[in-house]
C-alpha cells in the first residue's frame, strides 16, 4: 500500500544511507525521511577546513569506493559530494524536507507524521539522525553577563571574523585542536582544557593508524565501544609541535566569565573577544519522545548494539560506541547498518509467522 513500508529510516546522513543500502539489498520496502532539503546529514554544517581523520581508503560506505587518491584525507566538501553520489548510484528511496513531528506506535505499526502533514506507516523504524545535532555547551558561571561572543564549534566556519582577536577554544579533541591551530595563524589563541591533551600518532611504521585498526580488527570488536569516548587527537606531529614551540598556547580551563572576558584557574583575569566550545554533542532524538521509554532520562536512546531495549521494531545506527570504536564514523556505519538490518529482517519475518 502507498506510504506503507517494511522500514522507515530517519535521517539521510552517512548512517541513513548505509541503512538504506542494506535494506534495499535485503529486498525490504523502505523510505528515508530527511529533515533538510538536502542529504549528507550534519556535514554541511561543519567548519570549512574540516578533513576526515581517516584516509579515503578507509572512508567508504558499503560497495562504493571513495573516489580519488586513496591515501589522502578527504575534505568536508568531498564527503558531501560522495554521499550525494552514493544516494544516486544506488537510487536510494529518499524524501527530503520531511521534518518528523511525531513517531507513535498504533496496533503494532509505527505511524510517522511530518511537518508537511504527510503520514507514513512502517513495521520498523531505524533512527539514523540526531547523534550530532545537539551541541554540548558546558554551563560556566558568568556566561550570561559576558559581552563577548560565545559559540559552539558547529557554528564556526573559518578564520575570517577572528583576525587579530583574542580567542579561547575550549576542548581537547580533534576539532578543538584543528580549529585552534587554524585560528592561531590570524589571532591570539589559547586552548582551554580540563586535562592535558592526549595525542595519537596518525602514522605508525609508515602506515596510517587506520591500517593497523583494520588489520587487527580492533575498532570493529564490540568491546571497542568502551573506547568510543576517547578524545585523543590524531596528529602527524604538527599539533604537538605547535604546542611545544608555543605557537599554540594550552591552558587549564578557566573558572568563570567576567563582562569583558574570563578568569583563569590561577585567578588571572583576561579580556577575551570570543570563546568557541569544541565540546562535542549530545544525542537529540526528540522525534522519538512520543514513544514511551524509547529515550533515557539523559536524552540518549535506550538500546543495545542498535536494537531498542524497550520498543519492539525500533533500531538505531550511527550512535557513538554503538558496536565499535568507529560506529559514529563514515568508515564504521556500514558494518553496524548491516548488523541492524539483519535484525530488522528477522523481526519482520517473525511478524509474518506470528
Protein backbone atom coordinates (compact mmCIF):
# COMPACT_ATOMS: atom_id res chain seq x y z
CA UNK A 1 0.00 0.00 0.00
CA UNK A 2 1.09 3.60 -0.58
CA UNK A 3 3.01 5.09 2.36
CA UNK A 4 3.32 1.64 4.00
CA UNK A 5 6.83 0.21 4.35
CA UNK A 6 8.82 -2.57 5.96
CA UNK A 7 11.16 0.06 7.39
CA UNK A 8 11.49 3.83 7.56
CA UNK A 9 14.92 5.34 8.11
CA UNK A 10 15.10 8.71 9.86
CA UNK A 11 17.96 10.79 8.50
CA UNK A 12 19.87 10.82 5.20
CA UNK A 13 23.38 11.24 6.54
CA UNK A 14 26.04 8.54 6.37
CA UNK A 15 24.19 6.26 8.82
CA UNK A 16 20.87 6.62 7.00
CA UNK A 17 22.40 5.97 3.58
CA UNK A 18 24.22 2.85 4.79
CA UNK A 19 20.98 1.58 6.34
CA UNK A 20 19.06 2.26 3.13
CA UNK A 21 21.64 0.34 1.09
CA UNK A 22 21.31 -2.76 3.26
CA UNK A 23 17.51 -2.56 3.37
CA UNK A 24 17.48 -2.38 -0.41
CA UNK A 25 19.91 -5.29 -0.67
CA UNK A 26 17.66 -7.38 1.59
CA UNK A 27 14.68 -6.67 -0.68
CA UNK A 28 12.75 -4.81 2.02
CA UNK A 29 10.48 -1.88 1.19
CA UNK A 30 11.83 1.26 2.79
CA UNK A 31 11.85 5.05 2.79
CA UNK A 32 14.44 7.50 4.12
CA UNK A 33 12.99 10.70 5.60
CA UNK A 34 15.31 13.70 5.86
CA UNK A 35 14.52 16.99 7.63
CA UNK A 36 16.73 19.18 5.45
CA UNK A 37 16.21 19.84 1.77
CA UNK A 38 19.47 18.05 1.04
CA UNK A 39 21.13 14.84 2.12
CA UNK A 40 24.50 14.37 3.86
CA UNK A 41 23.33 14.94 7.42
CA UNK A 42 25.44 17.31 9.52
CA UNK A 43 28.37 17.54 7.10
CA UNK A 44 27.24 20.81 5.51
CA UNK A 45 27.18 22.46 8.94
CA UNK A 46 30.82 21.76 9.85
CA UNK A 47 33.72 24.22 9.58
CA UNK A 48 35.16 24.83 6.12
CA UNK A 49 38.61 23.33 6.66
CA UNK A 50 37.42 20.08 8.23
CA UNK A 51 39.04 16.95 6.87
CA UNK A 52 38.31 13.32 7.69
CA UNK A 53 40.60 11.79 10.28
CA UNK A 54 40.76 8.61 8.19
CA UNK A 55 42.19 8.29 4.65
CA UNK A 56 39.82 7.86 1.70
CA UNK A 57 40.84 4.19 1.53
CA UNK A 58 39.09 3.57 4.85
CA UNK A 59 36.27 6.09 4.48
CA UNK A 60 33.74 4.43 2.19
CA UNK A 61 30.15 3.32 2.66
CA UNK A 62 29.18 -0.21 1.54
CA UNK A 63 30.09 -1.15 -2.04
CA UNK A 64 31.13 2.27 -3.35
CA UNK A 65 34.77 3.30 -3.02
CA UNK A 66 35.57 6.87 -2.05
CA UNK A 67 36.99 8.37 -5.29
CA UNK A 68 40.42 9.84 -5.87
CA UNK A 69 43.77 9.30 -4.16
CA UNK A 70 43.11 6.66 -1.54
CA UNK A 71 45.84 7.94 0.77
CA UNK A 72 44.51 11.49 1.13
CA UNK A 73 42.25 12.79 3.91
CA UNK A 74 39.04 13.97 2.17
CA UNK A 75 37.65 17.44 2.82
CA UNK A 76 34.17 18.23 4.08
CA UNK A 77 33.01 19.17 0.57
CA UNK A 78 34.39 15.91 -0.84
CA UNK A 79 32.44 13.94 1.76
CA UNK A 80 29.22 15.79 0.89
CA UNK A 81 29.80 15.11 -2.80
CA UNK A 82 30.49 11.43 -2.10
CA UNK A 83 27.33 10.99 -0.02
CA UNK A 84 25.21 12.57 -2.75
CA UNK A 85 26.82 10.33 -5.36
CA UNK A 86 26.20 7.31 -3.12
CA UNK A 87 22.46 8.04 -2.95
CA UNK A 88 22.30 8.48 -6.74
CA UNK A 89 24.45 5.45 -7.53
CA UNK A 90 22.15 3.08 -5.67
CA UNK A 91 18.98 5.06 -6.44
CA UNK A 92 18.07 5.11 -2.76
CA UNK A 93 14.47 5.97 -1.86
CA UNK A 94 14.83 9.32 -0.06
CA UNK A 95 12.39 12.15 0.65
CA UNK A 96 13.96 15.42 1.77
CA UNK A 97 12.25 18.34 3.51
CA UNK A 98 10.26 15.97 5.73
CA UNK A 99 10.75 17.08 9.33
CA UNK A 100 9.30 14.47 11.63
CA UNK A 101 6.98 15.77 14.33
CA UNK A 102 5.55 12.55 15.75
CA UNK A 103 6.52 8.88 15.82
CA UNK A 104 3.91 6.71 17.51
CA UNK A 105 3.05 3.03 17.56
CA UNK A 106 -0.56 2.06 16.94
CA UNK A 107 -1.70 -1.60 16.94
CA UNK A 108 1.85 -2.80 16.35
CA UNK A 109 2.54 -0.42 13.46
CA UNK A 110 4.59 2.76 13.58
CA UNK A 111 2.87 5.93 12.40
CA UNK A 112 5.16 8.79 11.39
CA UNK A 113 3.82 12.31 10.87
CA UNK A 114 5.87 15.11 9.28
CA UNK A 115 5.58 18.89 9.45
CA UNK A 116 4.17 18.87 5.92
CA UNK A 117 1.22 16.85 7.17
CA UNK A 118 2.35 13.64 5.47
CA UNK A 119 1.70 10.37 7.29
CA UNK A 120 3.71 7.18 6.78
CA UNK A 121 3.28 3.69 8.22
CA UNK A 122 6.00 1.14 8.81
CA UNK A 123 6.70 -2.15 10.56
CA UNK A 124 10.07 -0.92 11.79
CA UNK A 125 11.95 2.35 12.32
CA UNK A 126 15.69 2.92 12.04
CA UNK A 127 16.74 6.13 13.77
CA UNK A 128 19.85 7.35 11.96
CA UNK A 129 19.75 11.04 12.88
CA UNK A 130 20.42 13.12 15.96
CA UNK A 131 23.82 11.88 17.16
CA UNK A 132 25.47 15.18 16.12
CA UNK A 133 22.50 17.52 16.19
CA UNK A 134 22.56 18.93 19.74
CA UNK A 135 25.72 20.90 20.68
CA UNK A 136 27.03 20.26 24.16
CA UNK A 137 27.60 23.63 25.86
CA UNK A 138 29.01 23.49 29.41
CA UNK A 139 27.41 25.81 31.96
CA UNK A 140 30.07 28.13 33.33
CA UNK A 141 29.42 30.85 35.86
CA UNK A 142 29.10 34.34 34.45
CA UNK A 143 28.43 33.39 30.84
CA UNK A 144 25.17 35.35 30.96
CA UNK A 145 26.97 38.62 31.66
CA UNK A 146 29.88 38.11 29.27
CA UNK A 147 29.70 40.69 26.46
CA UNK A 148 31.91 38.81 24.02
CA UNK A 149 30.87 36.10 21.60
CA UNK A 150 30.24 32.50 22.72
CA UNK A 151 29.61 29.84 20.08
CA UNK A 152 29.79 26.09 19.67
CA UNK A 153 32.18 24.73 17.06
CA UNK A 154 29.14 23.71 14.99
CA UNK A 155 28.72 27.43 14.18
CA UNK A 156 32.38 28.07 13.42
CA UNK A 157 33.14 28.24 9.67
CA UNK A 158 36.54 29.87 9.11
CA UNK A 159 39.05 32.42 10.45
CA UNK A 160 37.68 35.50 8.66
CA UNK A 161 35.88 37.16 11.58
CA UNK A 162 38.59 36.33 14.12
CA UNK A 163 41.59 38.13 12.63
CA UNK A 164 43.63 39.97 15.31
CA UNK A 165 41.15 38.87 18.01
CA UNK A 166 41.72 37.20 21.38
CA UNK A 167 40.07 33.77 21.19
CA UNK A 168 39.77 30.86 23.60
CA UNK A 169 38.90 27.44 22.20
CA UNK A 170 37.52 25.03 24.80
CA UNK A 171 38.11 21.30 24.31
CA UNK A 172 40.86 18.73 23.92
CA UNK A 173 39.67 16.67 20.95
CA UNK A 174 40.41 16.72 17.24
CA UNK A 175 38.03 19.55 16.36
CA UNK A 176 39.24 21.79 19.19
CA UNK A 177 42.88 21.37 18.23
CA UNK A 178 42.23 21.77 14.49
CA UNK A 179 40.22 24.96 14.99
CA UNK A 180 42.71 26.45 17.45
CA UNK A 181 45.65 25.61 15.18
CA UNK A 182 43.91 27.26 12.24
CA UNK A 183 42.94 30.38 14.22
CA UNK A 184 46.43 30.77 15.68
CA UNK A 185 47.63 31.86 12.25
CA UNK A 186 45.50 35.03 12.41
CA UNK A 187 44.58 35.53 16.08
CA UNK A 188 45.89 35.18 19.62
CA UNK A 189 44.51 31.81 20.68
CA UNK A 190 44.51 29.60 23.75
CA UNK A 191 43.26 26.03 24.05
CA UNK A 192 41.46 25.61 27.38
CA UNK A 193 41.24 22.03 28.64
CA UNK A 194 40.40 20.25 31.89
CA UNK A 195 43.24 17.76 31.41
CA UNK A 196 46.37 17.57 29.26
CA UNK A 197 45.76 16.86 25.59
CA UNK A 198 46.47 13.27 24.59
CA UNK A 199 47.93 12.71 21.13
CA UNK A 200 47.80 9.59 18.97
CA UNK A 201 50.17 9.23 16.05
CA UNK A 202 48.37 9.45 12.71
CA UNK A 203 51.01 7.16 11.21
CA UNK A 204 52.78 4.14 12.74
CA UNK A 205 55.67 2.43 10.93
CA UNK A 206 54.83 4.38 7.80
CA UNK A 207 51.16 3.36 7.78
CA UNK A 208 48.11 5.38 8.80
CA UNK A 209 46.72 4.24 12.15
CA UNK A 210 43.51 3.12 10.43
CA UNK A 211 45.54 0.48 8.56
CA UNK A 212 46.50 -1.06 11.88
CA UNK A 213 42.99 -0.75 13.28
CA UNK A 214 41.66 -2.60 10.25
CA UNK A 215 44.15 -5.47 10.11
CA UNK A 216 43.95 -6.05 13.87
CA UNK A 217 40.16 -5.78 13.89
CA UNK A 218 40.42 -3.62 17.00
CA UNK A 219 37.85 -0.96 16.20
CA UNK A 220 35.21 -3.39 14.94
CA UNK A 221 35.26 -5.50 18.07
CA UNK A 222 32.18 -4.96 20.22
CA UNK A 223 34.27 -4.32 23.30
CA UNK A 224 35.76 -1.37 21.42
CA UNK A 225 32.70 0.63 22.41
CA UNK A 226 34.26 1.39 25.78
CA UNK A 227 36.88 3.40 23.91
CA UNK A 228 34.31 5.39 21.94
CA UNK A 229 34.63 8.44 24.18
CA UNK A 230 38.42 8.55 23.78
CA UNK A 231 39.24 12.17 22.93
CA UNK A 232 42.85 11.62 21.87
CA UNK A 233 43.92 13.83 18.97
CA UNK A 234 45.10 12.22 15.74
CA UNK A 235 48.34 14.00 14.91
CA UNK A 236 51.01 13.78 12.22
CA UNK A 237 53.16 15.81 14.61
CA UNK A 238 52.17 19.35 13.62
CA UNK A 239 49.77 19.98 16.53
CA UNK A 240 52.02 18.66 19.28
CA UNK A 241 54.97 20.57 17.82
CA UNK A 242 52.93 23.78 17.69
CA UNK A 243 52.14 23.44 21.40
CA UNK A 244 55.72 22.53 22.37
CA UNK A 245 57.07 25.54 20.45
CA UNK A 246 54.42 27.85 21.98
CA UNK A 247 52.86 28.54 18.60
CA UNK A 248 49.63 27.31 20.17
CA UNK A 249 49.03 28.03 23.85
CA UNK A 250 47.49 25.35 26.07
CA UNK A 251 46.00 26.35 29.45
CA UNK A 252 43.95 24.85 32.26
CA UNK A 253 40.24 25.51 31.84
CA UNK A 254 39.08 28.92 33.02
CA UNK A 255 36.77 29.02 36.05
CA UNK A 256 34.27 31.73 35.16
CA UNK A 257 33.41 34.66 32.94
CA UNK A 258 33.58 38.39 33.54
CA UNK A 259 31.85 41.05 31.46
CA UNK A 260 34.93 41.54 29.33
CA UNK A 261 36.49 38.10 29.39
CA UNK A 262 37.38 35.19 31.64
CA UNK A 263 39.12 34.27 34.90
CA UNK A 264 41.80 31.60 34.54
CA UNK A 265 42.34 28.88 37.13
CA UNK A 266 45.21 30.83 38.68
CA UNK A 267 42.89 33.80 39.29
CA UNK A 268 44.24 35.93 36.45
CA UNK A 269 41.61 37.92 34.54
CA UNK A 270 41.89 38.42 30.82
CA UNK A 271 39.89 40.27 28.23
CA UNK A 272 38.67 37.86 25.54
CA UNK A 273 36.78 38.60 22.32
CA UNK A 274 35.38 35.14 21.63
CA UNK A 275 35.03 31.71 23.21
CA UNK A 276 34.48 28.69 20.98
CA UNK A 277 33.30 25.45 22.59
CA UNK A 278 34.52 22.39 20.72
CA UNK A 279 32.93 20.18 23.35
CA UNK A 280 31.05 17.65 21.27
CA UNK A 281 27.38 16.81 21.00
CA UNK A 282 24.62 15.15 22.94
CA UNK A 283 22.02 12.86 21.36
CA UNK A 284 18.93 14.71 20.21
CA UNK A 285 16.19 12.33 19.16
CA UNK A 286 13.20 14.40 20.25
CA UNK A 287 11.21 12.96 17.37
CA UNK A 288 11.00 9.74 19.42
CA UNK A 289 9.54 11.30 22.58
CA UNK A 290 6.05 10.11 21.66
CA UNK A 291 7.32 6.54 22.01
CA UNK A 292 7.16 5.90 25.74
CA UNK A 293 10.50 4.81 27.22
CA UNK A 294 12.39 4.96 23.91
CA UNK A 295 14.76 7.58 25.35
CA UNK A 296 16.54 7.61 28.70
CA UNK A 297 16.47 10.46 31.21
CA UNK A 298 19.75 11.82 29.78
CA UNK A 299 18.28 12.02 26.28
CA UNK A 300 20.17 9.00 24.97
CA UNK A 301 18.36 6.18 23.14
CA UNK A 302 17.78 3.06 25.21
CA UNK A 303 19.47 0.49 23.01
CA UNK A 304 21.94 -2.38 22.88
CA UNK A 305 24.02 -2.78 19.70
CA UNK A 306 21.49 -0.59 17.87
CA UNK A 307 18.41 -2.53 18.96
CA UNK A 308 15.94 -0.75 21.22
CA UNK A 309 15.68 -2.41 24.60
CA UNK A 310 12.19 -1.01 25.20
CA UNK A 311 10.35 -0.72 21.85
CA UNK A 312 9.96 -3.71 19.52
CA UNK A 313 10.77 -2.76 15.93
CA UNK A 314 12.85 0.32 16.80
CA UNK A 315 16.53 0.40 15.82
CA UNK A 316 19.47 2.82 15.76
CA UNK A 317 22.51 3.37 13.54
CA UNK A 318 25.29 5.93 13.93
CA UNK A 319 25.47 6.18 17.73
CA UNK A 320 28.93 6.70 19.19
CA UNK A 321 30.16 3.42 20.66
CA UNK A 322 27.13 1.52 19.37
CA UNK A 323 29.10 -1.58 18.44
CA UNK A 324 32.65 -0.38 17.97
CA UNK A 325 35.14 2.45 18.20
CA UNK A 326 34.13 3.55 14.69
CA UNK A 327 30.34 3.29 14.99
CA UNK A 328 29.70 7.01 14.55
CA UNK A 329 32.10 7.45 11.63
CA UNK A 330 31.72 7.12 7.88
CA UNK A 331 34.06 4.13 7.94
CA UNK A 332 32.13 2.35 10.68
CA UNK A 333 28.41 2.85 9.99
CA UNK A 334 28.29 0.32 7.16
CA UNK A 335 29.13 -2.61 9.42
CA UNK A 336 26.61 -1.51 12.04
CA UNK A 337 23.90 -0.88 9.43
CA UNK A 338 24.37 -4.39 8.05
CA UNK A 339 24.00 -5.86 11.53
CA UNK A 340 20.91 -3.79 12.33
CA UNK A 341 19.17 -4.51 9.02
CA UNK A 342 19.63 -8.24 9.56
CA UNK A 343 17.84 -7.79 12.89
CA UNK A 344 15.13 -5.78 11.11
CA UNK A 345 14.62 -8.59 8.60
CA UNK A 346 14.38 -11.20 11.37
CA UNK A 347 11.82 -9.08 13.21
CA UNK A 348 9.67 -8.63 10.10
CA UNK A 349 9.79 -12.38 9.44
CA UNK A 350 8.62 -13.01 13.00
CA UNK A 351 5.57 -10.80 12.35
CA UNK A 352 4.63 -12.98 9.36
CA UNK A 353 4.77 -16.20 11.32
CA UNK A 354 3.03 -14.92 14.47
